Amino acid sequence: GENWFRDGERKVIKRLLDESNCLIALGGGAVMNDETRALLMDNAINVWLKADVDLLVERTKNATHRPLLRNGDPKDILSKLLTEREQIYQQADITVKVEDVPVDDVGDNVISALNNYLMEQNAI
């Protein structure tokens, strides 16, 4: 179930953070776990890829491996999840707005935002 999955997810995240400098891409539910969020906030630079609900619906419309989207209208479910989670997501160190652009452009935007963040941190 969900609790078992989140516990395993937290253990893997902790191991990755302990072992190496790396990029970890997480789904939206990972940071909702208090322990996982604390690990990430204390040991990583956190980036929120902020997308509007319509884009999330478009990107998940063919996904069969998303249990939360199976029981109801995906747009309604995603809207509710975003409302519930947005306050937590806003705690990220960096927010990058994701438009309907190629993945490479999103990657470039993340790198630029990360460089700006690191320059600001070093300026303090």
PDB file of N, CA and C in Angstrom:
ATOM      1  N   GLY A   1       0.809  -1.187   0.000  1.00  0.00           N
ATOM      2  CA  GLY A   1       0.000   0.000   0.000  1.00  0.00           C
ATOM      3  C   GLY A   1       0.858   1.260   0.000  1.00  0.00           C
ATOM      4  N   GLU A   2       0.182   2.371   0.129  1.00  0.00           N
ATOM      5  CA  GLU A   2       0.838   3.690   0.081  1.00  0.00           C
ATOM      6  C   GLU A   2       1.916   3.839   1.155  1.00  0.00           C
ATOM      7  N   ASN A   3       1.619   3.440   2.401  1.00  0.00           N
ATOM      8  CA  ASN A   3       2.601   3.601   3.482  1.00  0.00           C
ATOM      9  C   ASN A   3       3.867   2.790   3.215  1.00  0.00           C
ATOM     10  N   TRP A   4       3.706   1.560   2.756  1.00  0.00           N
ATOM     11  CA  TRP A   4       4.851   0.710   2.441  1.00  0.00           C
ATOM     12  C   TRP A   4       5.677   1.344   1.329  1.00  0.00           C
ATOM     13  N   PHE A   5       5.002   1.826   0.289  1.00  0.00           N
ATOM     14  CA  PHE A   5       5.693   2.467  -0.839  1.00  0.00           C
ATOM     15  C   PHE A   5       6.475   3.687  -0.366  1.00  0.00           C
ATOM     16  N   ARG A   6       5.846   4.555   0.432  1.00  0.00           N
ATOM     17  CA  ARG A   6       6.515   5.783   0.882  1.00  0.00           C
ATOM     18  C   ARG A   6       7.683   5.482   1.804  1.00  0.00           C
ATOM     19  N   ASP A   7       7.574   4.421   2.608  1.00  0.00           N
ATOM     20  CA  ASP A   7       8.679   4.036   3.476  1.00  0.00           C
ATOM     21  C   ASP A   7       9.874   3.587   2.638  1.00  0.00           C
ATOM     22  N   GLY A   8       9.629   2.769   1.624  1.00  0.00           N
ATOM     23  CA  GLY A   8      10.699   2.331   0.732  1.00  0.00           C
ATOM     24  C   GLY A   8      11.298   3.490  -0.041  1.00  0.00           C
ATOM     25  N   GLU A   9      10.440   4.388  -0.478  1.00  0.00           N
ATOM     26  CA  GLU A   9      10.896   5.574  -1.201  1.00  0.00           C
ATOM     27  C   GLU A   9      11.834   6.408  -0.327  1.00  0.00           C
ATOM     28  N   ARG A  10      11.456   6.622   0.930  1.00  0.00           N
ATOM     29  CA  ARG A  10      12.277   7.403   1.857  1.00  0.00           C
ATOM     30  C   ARG A  10      13.644   6.748   2.062  1.00  0.00           C
ATOM     31  N   LYS A  11      13.657   5.420   2.202  1.00  0.00           N
ATOM     32  CA  LYS A  11      14.919   4.700   2.408  1.00  0.00           C
ATOM     33  C   LYS A  11      15.840   4.850   1.198  1.00  0.00           C
ATOM     34  N   VAL A  12      15.291   4.755   0.011  1.00  0.00           N
ATOM     35  CA  VAL A  12      16.098   4.909  -1.203  1.00  0.00           C
ATOM     36  C   VAL A  12      16.626   6.336  -1.310  1.00  0.00           C
ATOM     37  N   ILE A  13      15.787   7.320  -1.033  1.00  0.00           N
ATOM     38  CA  ILE A  13      16.219   8.719  -1.087  1.00  0.00           C
ATOM     39  C   ILE A  13      17.347   8.963  -0.091  1.00  0.00           C
ATOM     40  N   LYS A  14      17.210   8.439   1.121  1.00  0.00           N
ATOM     41  CA  LYS A  14      18.255   8.615   2.136  1.00  0.00           C
ATOM     42  C   LYS A  14      19.567   7.995   1.665  1.00  0.00           C
ATOM     43  N   ARG A  15      19.496   6.795   1.126  1.00  0.00           N
ATOM     44  CA  ARG A  15      20.713   6.131   0.635  1.00  0.00           C
ATOM     45  C   ARG A  15      21.366   6.948  -0.480  1.00  0.00           C
ATOM     46  N   LEU A  16      20.578   7.437  -1.411  1.00  0.00           N
ATOM     47  CA  LEU A  16      21.132   8.236  -2.508  1.00  0.00           C
ATOM     48  C   LEU A  16      21.764   9.525  -1.995  1.00  0.00           C
ATOM     49  N   LEU A  17      21.115  10.182  -1.054  1.00  0.00           N
ATOM     50  CA  LEU A  17      21.658  11.422  -0.504  1.00  0.00           C
ATOM     51  C   LEU A  17      22.944  11.171   0.281  1.00  0.00           C
ATOM     52  N   ASP A  18      23.024  10.033   0.954  1.00  0.00           N
ATOM     53  CA  ASP A  18      24.213   9.689   1.737  1.00  0.00           C
ATOM     54  C   ASP A  18      25.391   9.287   0.861  1.00  0.00           C
ATOM     55  N   GLU A  19      25.116   8.682  -0.288  1.00  0.00           N
ATOM     56  CA  GLU A  19      26.171   8.073  -1.084  1.00  0.00           C
ATOM     57  C   GLU A  19      26.806   8.978  -2.125  1.00  0.00           C
ATOM     58  N   SER A  20      26.049   9.938  -2.665  1.00  0.00           N
ATOM     59  CA  SER A  20      26.622  10.665  -3.790  1.00  0.00           C
ATOM     60  C   SER A  20      25.916  11.990  -4.024  1.00  0.00           C
ATOM     61  N   ASN A  21      26.602  12.825  -4.814  1.00  0.00           N
ATOM     62  CA  ASN A  21      25.947  14.014  -5.346  1.00  0.00           C
ATOM     63  C   ASN A  21      25.164  13.551  -6.560  1.00  0.00           C
ATOM     64  N   CYS A  22      23.897  13.786  -6.550  1.00  0.00           N
ATOM     65  CA  CYS A  22      23.095  13.277  -7.649  1.00  0.00           C
ATOM     66  C   CYS A  22      21.828  14.115  -7.826  1.00  0.00           C
ATOM     67  N   LEU A  23      21.185  13.873  -8.926  1.00  0.00           N
ATOM     68  CA  LEU A  23      19.894  14.465  -9.214  1.00  0.00           C
ATOM     69  C   LEU A  23      18.852  13.388  -8.963  1.00  0.00           C
ATOM     70  N   ILE A  24      17.871  13.708  -8.147  1.00  0.00           N
ATOM     71  CA  ILE A  24      16.802  12.760  -7.862  1.00  0.00           C
ATOM     72  C   ILE A  24      15.496  13.388  -8.302  1.00  0.00           C
ATOM     73  N   ALA A  25      14.830  12.757  -9.246  1.00  0.00           N
ATOM     74  CA  ALA A  25      13.528  13.241  -9.710  1.00  0.00           C
ATOM     75  C   ALA A  25      12.450  12.468  -8.960  1.00  0.00           C
ATOM     76  N   LEU A  26      11.574  13.204  -8.301  1.00  0.00           N
ATOM     77  CA  LEU A  26      10.543  12.575  -7.486  1.00  0.00           C
ATOM     78  C   LEU A  26       9.163  12.940  -7.984  1.00  0.00           C
ATOM     79  N   GLY A  27       8.224  12.078  -7.707  1.00  0.00           N
ATOM     80  CA  GLY A  27       6.835  12.386  -7.982  1.00  0.00           C
ATOM     81  C   GLY A  27       6.308  13.352  -6.933  1.00  0.00           C
ATOM     82  N   GLY A  28       5.141  13.872  -7.176  1.00  0.00           N
ATOM     83  CA  GLY A  28       4.574  14.902  -6.315  1.00  0.00           C
ATOM     84  C   GLY A  28       4.235  14.471  -4.910  1.00  0.00           C
ATOM     85  N   GLY A  29       4.060  13.177  -4.678  1.00  0.00           N
ATOM     86  CA  GLY A  29       3.683  12.713  -3.349  1.00  0.00           C
ATOM     87  C   GLY A  29       4.850  12.499  -2.411  1.00  0.00           C
ATOM     88  N   ALA A  30       6.055  12.389  -2.931  1.00  0.00           N
ATOM     89  CA  ALA A  30       7.224  12.074  -2.092  1.00  0.00           C
ATOM     90  C   ALA A  30       7.421  13.081  -0.971  1.00  0.00           C
ATOM     91  N   VAL A  31       7.306  14.365  -1.285  1.00  0.00           N
ATOM     92  CA  VAL A  31       7.570  15.399  -0.271  1.00  0.00           C
ATOM     93  C   VAL A  31       6.429  15.549   0.719  1.00  0.00           C
ATOM     94  N   MET A  32       5.345  14.836   0.518  1.00  0.00           N
ATOM     95  CA  MET A  32       4.244  14.913   1.471  1.00  0.00           C
ATOM     96  C   MET A  32       4.537  14.090   2.719  1.00  0.00           C
ATOM     97  N   ASN A  33       5.508  13.191   2.641  1.00  0.00           N
ATOM     98  CA  ASN A  33       5.954  12.429   3.793  1.00  0.00           C
ATOM     99  C   ASN A  33       6.898  13.307   4.604  1.00  0.00           C
ATOM    100  N   ASP A  34       6.571  13.543   5.869  1.00  0.00           N
ATOM    101  CA  ASP A  34       7.350  14.460   6.709  1.00  0.00           C
ATOM    102  C   ASP A  34       8.823  14.071   6.799  1.00  0.00           C
ATOM    103  N   GLU A  35       9.108  12.779   6.976  1.00  0.00           N
ATOM    104  CA  GLU A  35      10.498  12.333   7.101  1.00  0.00           C
ATOM    105  C   GLU A  35      11.264  12.527   5.791  1.00  0.00           C
ATOM    106  N   THR A  36      10.627  12.185   4.689  1.00  0.00           N
ATOM    107  CA  THR A  36      11.268  12.355   3.386  1.00  0.00           C
ATOM    108  C   THR A  36      11.531  13.825   3.122  1.00  0.00           C
ATOM    109  N   ARG A  37      10.546  14.666   3.401  1.00  0.00           N
ATOM    110  CA  ARG A  37      10.707  16.104   3.176  1.00  0.00           C
ATOM    111  C   ARG A  37      11.843  16.658   4.024  1.00  0.00           C
ATOM    112  N   ALA A  38      11.937  16.242   5.271  1.00  0.00           N
ATOM    113  CA  ALA A  38      13.018  16.706   6.144  1.00  0.00           C
ATOM    114  C   ALA A  38      14.381  16.283   5.591  1.00  0.00           C
ATOM    115  N   LEU A  39      14.489  15.045   5.126  1.00  0.00           N
ATOM    116  CA  LEU A  39      15.739  14.582   4.508  1.00  0.00           C
ATOM    117  C   LEU A  39      16.136  15.470   3.338  1.00  0.00           C
ATOM    118  N   LEU A  40      15.163  15.744   2.485  1.00  0.00           N
ATOM    119  CA  LEU A  40      15.434  16.548   1.296  1.00  0.00           C
ATOM    120  C   LEU A  40      15.767  17.989   1.653  1.00  0.00           C
ATOM    121  N   MET A  41      15.040  18.569   2.575  1.00  0.00           N
ATOM    122  CA  MET A  41      15.276  19.967   2.940  1.00  0.00           C
ATOM    123  C   MET A  41      16.638  20.143   3.616  1.00  0.00           C
ATOM    124  N   ASP A  42      17.076  19.134   4.360  1.00  0.00           N
ATOM    125  CA  ASP A  42      18.343  19.232   5.088  1.00  0.00           C
ATOM    126  C   ASP A  42      19.560  18.852   4.250  1.00  0.00           C
ATOM    127  N   ASN A  43      19.350  18.102   3.164  1.00  0.00           N
ATOM    128  CA  ASN A  43      20.486  17.520   2.459  1.00  0.00           C
ATOM    129  C   ASN A  43      20.512  17.756   0.950  1.00  0.00           C
ATOM    130  N   ALA A  44      19.625  18.598   0.458  1.00  0.00           N
ATOM    131  CA  ALA A  44      19.557  18.769  -0.992  1.00  0.00           C
ATOM    132  C   ALA A  44      19.067  20.170  -1.332  1.00  0.00           C
ATOM    133  N   ILE A  45      19.269  20.536  -2.565  1.00  0.00           N
ATOM    134  CA  ILE A  45      18.636  21.730  -3.120  1.00  0.00           C
ATOM    135  C   ILE A  45      17.376  21.233  -3.809  1.00  0.00           C
ATOM    136  N   ASN A  46      16.248  21.759  -3.397  1.00  0.00           N
ATOM    137  CA  ASN A  46      14.960  21.273  -3.878  1.00  0.00           C
ATOM    138  C   ASN A  46      14.397  22.197  -4.943  1.00  0.00           C
ATOM    139  N   VAL A  47      13.974  21.593  -6.054  1.00  0.00           N
ATOM    140  CA  VAL A  47      13.412  22.331  -7.179  1.00  0.00           C
ATOM    141  C   VAL A  47      11.981  21.851  -7.402  1.00  0.00           C
ATOM    142  N   TRP A  48      11.063  22.787  -7.427  1.00  0.00           N
ATOM    143  CA  TRP A  48       9.669  22.483  -7.760  1.00  0.00           C
ATOM    144  C   TRP A  48       9.445  22.834  -9.217  1.00  0.00           C
ATOM    145  N   LEU A  49       9.097  21.853 -10.015  1.00  0.00           N
ATOM    146  CA  LEU A  49       8.705  22.093 -11.400  1.00  0.00           C
ATOM    147  C   LEU A  49       7.213  22.383 -11.374  1.00  0.00           C
ATOM    148  N   LYS A  50       6.882  23.655 -11.424  1.00  0.00           N
ATOM    149  CA  LYS A  50       5.496  24.100 -11.260  1.00  0.00           C
ATOM    150  C   LYS A  50       4.768  24.089 -12.601  1.00  0.00           C
ATOM    151  N   ALA A  51       3.723  23.285 -12.659  1.00  0.00           N
ATOM    152  CA  ALA A  51       2.923  23.181 -13.882  1.00  0.00           C
ATOM    153  C   ALA A  51       1.466  23.428 -13.537  1.00  0.00           C
ATOM    154  N   ASP A  52       0.721  23.970 -14.494  1.00  0.00           N
ATOM    155  CA  ASP A  52      -0.705  24.160 -14.237  1.00  0.00           C
ATOM    156  C   ASP A  52      -1.432  22.828 -14.434  1.00  0.00           C
ATOM    157  N   VAL A  53      -2.642  22.776 -13.937  1.00  0.00           N
ATOM    158  CA  VAL A  53      -3.407  21.534 -13.926  1.00  0.00           C
ATOM    159  C   VAL A  53      -3.631  20.992 -15.337  1.00  0.00           C
ATOM    160  N   ASP A  54      -3.926  21.850 -16.284  1.00  0.00           N
ATOM    161  CA  ASP A  54      -4.173  21.373 -17.646  1.00  0.00           C
ATOM    162  C   ASP A  54      -2.944  20.661 -18.223  1.00  0.00           C
ATOM    163  N   LEU A  55      -1.765  21.189 -17.947  1.00  0.00           N
ATOM    164  CA  LEU A  55      -0.545  20.547 -18.432  1.00  0.00           C
ATOM    165  C   LEU A  55      -0.336  19.205 -17.722  1.00  0.00           C
ATOM    166  N   LEU A  56      -0.607  19.158 -16.421  1.00  0.00           N
ATOM    167  CA  LEU A  56      -0.484  17.900 -15.686  1.00  0.00           C
ATOM    168  C   LEU A  56      -1.444  16.842 -16.234  1.00  0.00           C
ATOM    169  N   VAL A  57      -2.660  17.267 -16.553  1.00  0.00           N
ATOM    170  CA  VAL A  57      -3.638  16.340 -17.136  1.00  0.00           C
ATOM    171  C   VAL A  57      -3.119  15.808 -18.466  1.00  0.00           C
ATOM    172  N   GLU A  58      -2.624  16.703 -19.307  1.00  0.00           N
ATOM    173  CA  GLU A  58      -2.105  16.300 -20.614  1.00  0.00           C
ATOM    174  C   GLU A  58      -0.955  15.307 -20.473  1.00  0.00           C
ATOM    175  N   ARG A  59      -0.057  15.575 -19.543  1.00  0.00           N
ATOM    176  CA  ARG A  59       1.130  14.728 -19.398  1.00  0.00           C
ATOM    177  C   ARG A  59       0.843  13.397 -18.720  1.00  0.00           C
ATOM    178  N   THR A  60      -0.272  13.279 -18.042  1.00  0.00           N
ATOM    179  CA  THR A  60      -0.589  12.030 -17.353  1.00  0.00           C
ATOM    180  C   THR A  60      -1.736  11.264 -18.002  1.00  0.00           C
ATOM    181  N   LYS A  61      -2.276  11.762 -19.097  1.00  0.00           N
ATOM    182  CA  LYS A  61      -3.493  11.169 -19.662  1.00  0.00           C
ATOM    183  C   LYS A  61      -3.325   9.719 -20.100  1.00  0.00           C
ATOM    184  N   ASN A  62      -2.152   9.311 -20.480  1.00  0.00           N
ATOM    185  CA  ASN A  62      -1.939   7.927 -20.919  1.00  0.00           C
ATOM    186  C   ASN A  62      -1.225   7.076 -19.870  1.00  0.00           C
ATOM    187  N   ALA A  63      -1.004   7.633 -18.702  1.00  0.00           N
ATOM    188  CA  ALA A  63      -0.277   6.910 -17.656  1.00  0.00           C
ATOM    189  C   ALA A  63      -1.213   5.918 -16.964  1.00  0.00           C
ATOM    190  N   THR A  64      -0.853   4.667 -17.032  1.00  0.00           N
ATOM    191  CA  THR A  64      -1.659   3.630 -16.386  1.00  0.00           C
ATOM    192  C   THR A  64      -1.096   3.238 -15.025  1.00  0.00           C
ATOM    193  N   HIS A  65       0.065   3.780 -14.672  1.00  0.00           N
ATOM    194  CA  HIS A  65       0.749   3.406 -13.431  1.00  0.00           C
ATOM    195  C   HIS A  65       0.560   4.447 -12.316  1.00  0.00           C
ATOM    196  N   ARG A  66      -0.460   5.251 -12.391  1.00  0.00           N
ATOM    197  CA  ARG A  66      -0.710   6.282 -11.387  1.00  0.00           C
ATOM    198  C   ARG A  66      -2.005   5.961 -10.655  1.00  0.00           C
ATOM    199  N   PRO A  67      -1.886   5.242  -9.535  1.00  0.00           N
ATOM    200  CA  PRO A  67      -3.091   4.785  -8.826  1.00  0.00           C
ATOM    201  C   PRO A  67      -4.010   5.923  -8.375  1.00  0.00           C
ATOM    202  N   LEU A  68      -3.452   7.064  -8.035  1.00  0.00           N
ATOM    203  CA  LEU A  68      -4.297   8.168  -7.550  1.00  0.00           C
ATOM    204  C   LEU A  68      -5.215   8.723  -8.634  1.00  0.00           C
ATOM    205  N   LEU A  69      -4.881   8.483  -9.887  1.00  0.00           N
ATOM    206  CA  LEU A  69      -5.678   9.035 -10.989  1.00  0.00           C
ATOM    207  C   LEU A  69      -6.681   8.038 -11.565  1.00  0.00           C
ATOM    208  N   ARG A  70      -6.793   6.876 -10.966  1.00  0.00           N
ATOM    209  CA  ARG A  70      -7.651   5.827 -11.517  1.00  0.00           C
ATOM    210  C   ARG A  70      -9.124   5.968 -11.157  1.00  0.00           C
ATOM    211  N   ASN A  71      -9.437   6.620 -10.075  1.00  0.00           N
ATOM    212  CA  ASN A  71     -10.811   6.621  -9.569  1.00  0.00           C
ATOM    213  C   ASN A  71     -11.448   7.993  -9.634  1.00  0.00           C
ATOM    214  N   GLY A  72     -11.784   8.418 -10.829  1.00  0.00           N
ATOM    215  CA  GLY A  72     -12.450   9.697 -10.988  1.00  0.00           C
ATOM    216  C   GLY A  72     -11.880  10.486 -12.145  1.00  0.00           C
ATOM    217  N   ASP A  73     -12.340  11.707 -12.254  1.00  0.00           N
ATOM    218  CA  ASP A  73     -11.877  12.599 -13.310  1.00  0.00           C
ATOM    219  C   ASP A  73     -10.468  13.074 -12.992  1.00  0.00           C
ATOM    220  N   PRO A  74      -9.486  12.775 -13.854  1.00  0.00           N
ATOM    221  CA  PRO A  74      -8.096  13.153 -13.574  1.00  0.00           C
ATOM    222  C   PRO A  74      -7.912  14.646 -13.300  1.00  0.00           C
ATOM    223  N   LYS A  75      -8.622  15.503 -14.014  1.00  0.00           N
ATOM    224  CA  LYS A  75      -8.468  16.942 -13.790  1.00  0.00           C
ATOM    225  C   LYS A  75      -8.936  17.317 -12.389  1.00  0.00           C
ATOM    226  N   ASP A  76     -10.056  16.760 -11.955  1.00  0.00           N
ATOM    227  CA  ASP A  76     -10.544  17.033 -10.602  1.00  0.00           C
ATOM    228  C   ASP A  76      -9.560  16.515  -9.553  1.00  0.00           C
ATOM    229  N   ILE A  77      -9.062  15.312  -9.777  1.00  0.00           N
ATOM    230  CA  ILE A  77      -8.119  14.706  -8.825  1.00  0.00           C
ATOM    231  C   ILE A  77      -6.838  15.527  -8.757  1.00  0.00           C
ATOM    232  N   LEU A  78      -6.287  15.885  -9.923  1.00  0.00           N
ATOM    233  CA  LEU A  78      -5.043  16.667  -9.942  1.00  0.00           C
ATOM    234  C   LEU A  78      -5.244  18.056  -9.337  1.00  0.00           C
ATOM    235  N   SER A  79      -6.383  18.668  -9.578  1.00  0.00           N
ATOM    236  CA  SER A  79      -6.671  19.980  -8.975  1.00  0.00           C
ATOM    237  C   SER A  79      -6.699  19.879  -7.458  1.00  0.00           C
ATOM    238  N   LYS A  80      -7.342  18.837  -6.954  1.00  0.00           N
ATOM    239  CA  LYS A  80      -7.418  18.643  -5.503  1.00  0.00           C
ATOM    240  C   LYS A  80      -6.027  18.368  -4.918  1.00  0.00           C
ATOM    241  N   LEU A  81      -5.271  17.498  -5.574  1.00  0.00           N
ATOM    242  CA  LEU A  81      -3.921  17.199  -5.090  1.00  0.00           C
ATOM    243  C   LEU A  81      -3.045  18.447  -5.070  1.00  0.00           C
ATOM    244  N   LEU A  82      -3.115  19.234  -6.116  1.00  0.00           N
ATOM    245  CA  LEU A  82      -2.309  20.454  -6.171  1.00  0.00           C
ATOM    246  C   LEU A  82      -2.706  21.412  -5.056  1.00  0.00           C
ATOM    247  N   THR A  83      -3.987  21.561  -4.820  1.00  0.00           N
ATOM    248  CA  THR A  83      -4.455  22.431  -3.732  1.00  0.00           C
ATOM    249  C   THR A  83      -3.934  21.937  -2.385  1.00  0.00           C
ATOM    250  N   GLU A  84      -3.983  20.619  -2.177  1.00  0.00           N
ATOM    251  CA  GLU A  84      -3.513  20.036  -0.916  1.00  0.00           C
ATOM    252  C   GLU A  84      -2.005  20.143  -0.749  1.00  0.00           C
ATOM    253  N   ARG A  85      -1.278  20.080  -1.833  1.00  0.00           N
ATOM    254  CA  ARG A  85       0.183  19.974  -1.772  1.00  0.00           C
ATOM    255  C   ARG A  85       0.933  21.277  -2.007  1.00  0.00           C
ATOM    256  N   GLU A  86       0.279  22.258  -2.577  1.00  0.00           N
ATOM    257  CA  GLU A  86       0.991  23.455  -3.031  1.00  0.00           C
ATOM    258  C   GLU A  86       1.767  24.154  -1.920  1.00  0.00           C
ATOM    259  N   GLN A  87       1.215  24.210  -0.723  1.00  0.00           N
ATOM    260  CA  GLN A  87       1.914  24.870   0.385  1.00  0.00           C
ATOM    261  C   GLN A  87       3.242  24.165   0.693  1.00  0.00           C
ATOM    262  N   ILE A  88       3.257  22.863   0.583  1.00  0.00           N
ATOM    263  CA  ILE A  88       4.500  22.102   0.794  1.00  0.00           C
ATOM    264  C   ILE A  88       5.461  22.345  -0.373  1.00  0.00           C
ATOM    265  N   TYR A  89       4.949  22.287  -1.600  1.00  0.00           N
ATOM    266  CA  TYR A  89       5.798  22.507  -2.770  1.00  0.00           C
ATOM    267  C   TYR A  89       6.470  23.880  -2.717  1.00  0.00           C
ATOM    268  N   GLN A  90       5.781  24.861  -2.184  1.00  0.00           N
ATOM    269  CA  GLN A  90       6.326  26.220  -2.119  1.00  0.00           C
ATOM    270  C   GLN A  90       7.537  26.329  -1.199  1.00  0.00           C
ATOM    271  N   GLN A  91       7.802  25.301  -0.414  1.00  0.00           N
ATOM    272  CA  GLN A  91       8.978  25.298   0.454  1.00  0.00           C
ATOM    273  C   GLN A  91      10.263  24.967  -0.307  1.00  0.00           C
ATOM    274  N   ALA A  92      10.140  24.603  -1.562  1.00  0.00           N
ATOM    275  CA  ALA A  92      11.327  24.278  -2.366  1.00  0.00           C
ATOM    276  C   ALA A  92      12.254  25.483  -2.443  1.00  0.00           C
ATOM    277  N   ASP A  93      13.537  25.203  -2.581  1.00  0.00           N
ATOM    278  CA  ASP A  93      14.526  26.274  -2.700  1.00  0.00           C
ATOM    279  C   ASP A  93      14.353  27.050  -3.997  1.00  0.00           C
ATOM    280  N   ILE A  94      13.940  26.351  -5.038  1.00  0.00           N
ATOM    281  CA  ILE A  94      13.833  26.924  -6.373  1.00  0.00           C
ATOM    282  C   ILE A  94      12.501  26.488  -6.981  1.00  0.00           C
ATOM    283  N   THR A  95      11.836  27.411  -7.645  1.00  0.00           N
ATOM    284  CA  THR A  95      10.631  27.077  -8.401  1.00  0.00           C
ATOM    285  C   THR A  95      10.882  27.412  -9.864  1.00  0.00           C
ATOM    286  N   VAL A  96      10.634  26.442 -10.725  1.00  0.00           N
ATOM    287  CA  VAL A  96      10.757  26.642 -12.167  1.00  0.00           C
ATOM    288  C   VAL A  96       9.385  26.380 -12.770  1.00  0.00           C
ATOM    289  N   LYS A  97       8.837  27.401 -13.403  1.00  0.00           N
ATOM    290  CA  LYS A  97       7.548  27.234 -14.071  1.00  0.00           C
ATOM    291  C   LYS A  97       7.751  26.395 -15.323  1.00  0.00           C
ATOM    292  N   VAL A  98       6.924  25.388 -15.444  1.00  0.00           N
ATOM    293  CA  VAL A  98       7.018  24.476 -16.572  1.00  0.00           C
ATOM    294  C   VAL A  98       5.887  24.802 -17.538  1.00  0.00           C
ATOM    295  N   GLU A  99       6.253  25.173 -18.695  1.00  0.00           N
ATOM    296  CA  GLU A  99       5.280  25.421 -19.752  1.00  0.00           C
ATOM    297  C   GLU A  99       5.284  24.198 -20.656  1.00  0.00           C
ATOM    298  N   ASP A 100       4.451  24.213 -21.640  1.00  0.00           N
ATOM    299  CA  ASP A 100       4.428  23.105 -22.583  1.00  0.00           C
ATOM    300  C   ASP A 100       5.555  23.304 -23.600  1.00  0.00           C
ATOM    301  N   VAL A 101       6.781  23.060 -23.117  1.00  0.00           N
ATOM    302  CA  VAL A 101       7.985  23.231 -23.933  1.00  0.00           C
ATOM    303  C   VAL A 101       8.765  21.916 -23.933  1.00  0.00           C
ATOM    304  N   PRO A 102       9.696  21.776 -24.857  1.00  0.00           N
ATOM    305  CA  PRO A 102      10.500  20.553 -24.881  1.00  0.00           C
ATOM    306  C   PRO A 102      11.241  20.337 -23.562  1.00  0.00           C
ATOM    307  N   VAL A 103      11.446  19.075 -23.239  1.00  0.00           N
ATOM    308  CA  VAL A 103      12.120  18.714 -21.990  1.00  0.00           C
ATOM    309  C   VAL A 103      13.497  19.365 -21.890  1.00  0.00           C
ATOM    310  N   ASP A 104      14.209  19.456 -22.997  1.00  0.00           N
ATOM    311  CA  ASP A 104      15.532  20.085 -22.973  1.00  0.00           C
ATOM    312  C   ASP A 104      15.446  21.533 -22.497  1.00  0.00           C
ATOM    313  N   ASP A 105      14.400  22.236 -22.897  1.00  0.00           N
ATOM    314  CA  ASP A 105      14.224  23.626 -22.459  1.00  0.00           C
ATOM    315  C   ASP A 105      13.952  23.693 -20.968  1.00  0.00           C
ATOM    316  N   VAL A 106      13.163  22.774 -20.470  1.00  0.00           N
ATOM    317  CA  VAL A 106      12.900  22.728 -19.028  1.00  0.00           C
ATOM    318  C   VAL A 106      14.208  22.465 -18.294  1.00  0.00           C
ATOM    319  N   GLY A 107      14.985  21.524 -18.812  1.00  0.00           N
ATOM    320  CA  GLY A 107      16.288  21.231 -18.201  1.00  0.00           C
ATOM    321  C   GLY A 107      17.187  22.448 -18.174  1.00  0.00           C
ATOM    322  N   ASP A 108      17.236  23.182 -19.286  1.00  0.00           N
ATOM    323  CA  ASP A 108      18.038  24.407 -19.344  1.00  0.00           C
ATOM    324  C   ASP A 108      17.537  25.432 -18.326  1.00  0.00           C
ATOM    325  N   ASN A 109      16.218  25.546 -18.177  1.00  0.00           N
ATOM    326  CA  ASN A 109      15.652  26.492 -17.206  1.00  0.00           C
ATOM    327  C   ASN A 109      16.006  26.098 -15.771  1.00  0.00           C
ATOM    328  N   VAL A 110      16.015  24.803 -15.498  1.00  0.00           N
ATOM    329  CA  VAL A 110      16.397  24.330 -14.160  1.00  0.00           C
ATOM    330  C   VAL A 110      17.867  24.637 -13.901  1.00  0.00           C
ATOM    331  N   ILE A 111      18.717  24.369 -14.870  1.00  0.00           N
ATOM    332  CA  ILE A 111      20.153  24.643 -14.700  1.00  0.00           C
ATOM    333  C   ILE A 111      20.386  26.127 -14.471  1.00  0.00           C
ATOM    334  N   SER A 112      19.719  26.971 -15.210  1.00  0.00           N
ATOM    335  CA  SER A 112      19.861  28.419 -15.044  1.00  0.00           C
ATOM    336  C   SER A 112      19.395  28.854 -13.649  1.00  0.00           C
ATOM    337  N   ALA A 113      18.247  28.349 -13.224  1.00  0.00           N
ATOM    338  CA  ALA A 113      17.729  28.698 -11.894  1.00  0.00           C
ATOM    339  C   ALA A 113      18.653  28.185 -10.799  1.00  0.00           C
ATOM    340  N   LEU A 114      19.206  27.008 -10.980  1.00  0.00           N
ATOM    341  CA  LEU A 114      20.145  26.448 -10.007  1.00  0.00           C
ATOM    342  C   LEU A 114      21.420  27.280  -9.935  1.00  0.00           C
ATOM    343  N   ASN A 115      21.943  27.686 -11.079  1.00  0.00           N
ATOM    344  CA  ASN A 115      23.130  28.545 -11.090  1.00  0.00           C
ATOM    345  C   ASN A 115      22.854  29.865 -10.368  1.00  0.00           C
ATOM    346  N   ASN A 116      21.700  30.466 -10.625  1.00  0.00           N
ATOM    347  CA  ASN A 116      21.329  31.713  -9.948  1.00  0.00           C
ATOM    348  C   ASN A 116      21.220  31.506  -8.444  1.00  0.00           C
ATOM    349  N   TYR A 117      20.613  30.417  -8.054  1.00  0.00           N
ATOM    350  CA  TYR A 117      20.458  30.102  -6.632  1.00  0.00           C
ATOM    351  C   TYR A 117      21.826  29.956  -5.959  1.00  0.00           C
ATOM    352  N   LEU A 118      22.722  29.211  -6.601  1.00  0.00           N
ATOM    353  CA  LEU A 118      24.048  28.997  -6.019  1.00  0.00           C
ATOM    354  C   LEU A 118      24.840  30.292  -5.936  1.00  0.00           C
ATOM    355  N   MET A 119      24.723  31.150  -6.933  1.00  0.00           N
ATOM    356  CA  MET A 119      25.396  32.456  -6.889  1.00  0.00           C
ATOM    357  C   MET A 119      24.852  33.299  -5.730  1.00  0.00           C
ATOM    358  N   GLU A 120      23.527  33.290  -5.547  1.00  0.00           N
ATOM    359  CA  GLU A 120      22.916  34.037  -4.439  1.00  0.00           C
ATOM    360  C   GLU A 120      23.378  33.493  -3.093  1.00  0.00           C
ATOM    361  N   GLN A 121      23.496  32.180  -2.967  1.00  0.00           N
ATOM    362  CA  GLN A 121      23.921  31.578  -1.704  1.00  0.00           C
ATOM    363  C   GLN A 121      25.367  31.938  -1.377  1.00  0.00           C
ATOM    364  N   ASN A 122      26.202  31.990  -2.408  1.00  0.00           N
ATOM    365  CA  ASN A 122      27.610  32.333  -2.198  1.00  0.00           C
ATOM    366  C   ASN A 122      27.791  33.813  -1.911  1.00  0.00           C
ATOM    367  N   ALA A 123      26.819  34.644  -2.308  1.00  0.00           N
ATOM    368  CA  ALA A 123      26.915  36.080  -2.094  1.00  0.00           C
ATOM    369  C   ALA A 123      26.593  36.461  -0.664  1.00  0.00           C
ATOM    370  N   ILE A 124      25.998  35.562   0.071  1.00  0.00           N
ATOM    371  CA  ILE A 124      25.604  35.879   1.455  1.00  0.00           C
ATOM    372  C   ILE A 124      26.797  35.813   2.376  1.00  0.00           C
TER     373      ILE A 124
END
